[in-house]
Protein backbone atom coordinates (compact mmCIF):
# COMPACT_ATOMS: atom_id res chain seq x y z
CA MET A 1 -152.97 -77.84 -91.85
CA ALA A 2 -149.74 -77.02 -93.67
CA LEU A 3 -146.93 -75.18 -91.97
CA SER A 4 -146.27 -71.72 -93.32
CA GLN A 5 -142.55 -72.16 -92.89
CA PRO A 6 -140.61 -75.42 -92.71
CA ALA A 7 -138.69 -76.16 -89.51
CA ARG A 8 -134.96 -75.53 -89.69
CA PHE A 9 -132.48 -77.13 -87.35
CA GLY A 10 -128.89 -76.24 -86.62
CA GLU A 11 -128.89 -72.82 -88.24
CA ASP A 12 -126.98 -69.94 -86.69
CA TRP A 13 -128.95 -67.24 -84.91
CA ASN A 14 -127.59 -63.74 -85.43
CA ASP A 15 -127.78 -61.10 -82.69
CA ASP A 16 -130.81 -59.39 -84.24
CA ARG A 17 -132.78 -62.63 -84.24
CA VAL A 18 -131.89 -63.34 -80.60
CA ARG A 19 -132.61 -59.73 -79.59
CA GLY A 20 -135.97 -59.85 -81.40
CA TYR A 21 -137.34 -62.11 -78.68
CA LEU A 22 -137.22 -59.16 -76.26
CA ASP A 23 -140.04 -57.56 -78.26
CA ARG A 24 -142.46 -60.49 -78.13
CA GLN A 25 -145.85 -59.37 -76.90
CA PRO A 26 -147.56 -61.43 -74.19
CA PRO A 27 -151.16 -62.54 -74.16
CA ALA A 28 -153.45 -60.51 -71.91
CA GLY A 29 -152.75 -61.05 -68.24
CA VAL A 30 -149.30 -62.62 -68.72
CA SER A 31 -146.10 -60.99 -67.47
CA ALA A 32 -144.18 -59.59 -70.44
CA ASP A 33 -140.87 -60.63 -68.89
CA PHE A 34 -142.03 -64.18 -68.18
CA HIS A 35 -143.49 -64.45 -71.67
CA VAL A 36 -140.28 -63.51 -73.48
CA LEU A 37 -138.20 -65.75 -71.19
CA HIS A 38 -140.47 -68.73 -71.74
CA THR A 39 -140.73 -68.19 -75.48
CA ALA A 40 -136.96 -67.88 -75.83
CA TYR A 41 -136.46 -71.03 -73.75
CA LYS A 42 -138.86 -72.99 -75.96
CA HIS A 43 -137.27 -71.85 -79.23
CA MET A 44 -133.54 -71.44 -78.59
CA ARG A 45 -130.60 -73.72 -78.10
CA ALA A 46 -128.74 -73.23 -74.82
CA TYR A 47 -125.97 -71.20 -76.52
CA ASP A 48 -128.47 -68.77 -78.06
CA PHE A 49 -130.52 -68.65 -74.85
CA GLU A 50 -127.41 -67.63 -72.92
CA ARG A 51 -126.88 -64.75 -75.36
CA PHE A 52 -130.54 -63.82 -75.01
CA ILE A 53 -130.32 -63.79 -71.20
CA ALA A 54 -127.37 -61.38 -71.34
CA LEU A 55 -129.45 -59.00 -73.49
CA PHE A 56 -132.48 -59.52 -71.24
CA LEU A 57 -130.52 -58.50 -68.15
CA GLU A 58 -128.85 -55.57 -69.93
CA ASP A 59 -132.34 -54.35 -70.78
CA GLY A 60 -133.21 -54.30 -67.07
CA ARG A 61 -135.81 -57.04 -67.33
CA ASN A 62 -136.98 -59.22 -64.43
CA ILE A 63 -135.33 -62.67 -64.47
CA ASN A 64 -137.62 -63.66 -61.56
CA ALA A 65 -140.86 -62.84 -63.40
CA LEU A 66 -143.74 -65.14 -62.48
CA ASN A 67 -146.22 -67.00 -64.64
CA GLU A 68 -149.92 -67.15 -63.83
CA ASN A 69 -149.21 -70.04 -61.42
CA GLY A 70 -146.60 -68.09 -59.44
CA LYS A 71 -143.58 -69.91 -60.88
CA THR A 72 -140.43 -68.47 -62.41
CA LEU A 73 -138.95 -69.89 -65.58
CA LEU A 74 -136.17 -71.40 -63.45
CA ASP A 75 -138.81 -73.22 -61.38
CA LEU A 76 -140.30 -74.71 -64.55
CA VAL A 77 -137.00 -75.57 -66.21
CA ARG A 78 -135.79 -77.41 -63.11
CA GLU A 79 -138.71 -79.81 -63.65
CA ASN A 80 -137.27 -80.89 -67.01
CA PRO A 81 -134.32 -83.26 -66.50
CA VAL A 82 -132.91 -82.65 -69.99
CA SER A 83 -132.66 -78.89 -69.48
CA VAL A 84 -129.59 -78.86 -67.23
CA ASP A 85 -127.75 -76.32 -69.42
CA PHE A 86 -130.72 -73.95 -69.23
CA VAL A 87 -130.91 -74.38 -65.44
CA HIS A 88 -127.26 -73.31 -65.11
CA ILE A 89 -127.80 -70.30 -67.38
CA LEU A 90 -130.84 -69.19 -65.39
CA GLU A 91 -129.19 -69.78 -62.01
CA ASP A 92 -126.24 -67.62 -63.10
CA ALA A 93 -128.63 -64.92 -64.32
CA VAL A 94 -130.57 -64.91 -61.05
CA GLN A 95 -127.32 -64.55 -59.13
CA LYS A 96 -126.15 -61.67 -61.37
CA SER A 97 -129.46 -59.87 -61.01
CA ALA A 98 -129.19 -60.06 -57.21
CA GLU A 99 -125.78 -58.35 -57.17
């Protein structure tokens, strides 16, 4: 199966592209907030993810949203040893949302 669009690496993400992840629609039965967090995490570099998280929180979204297994994105990211930057971003966001 051919890809419809070739992968691009290292390109700059403008604010509209980062913000567009807030509108991603979840599959049935999945938390909308968890879905957009997880999708952004999978597709963004840490710098862009940090920008996304700021927009996510400004929009009043739930940083502690749970997946179908009862885990937050922070729970999942902590399991990946190469995602330290993302862990710090999410820990800061959780702290800000609690204030």
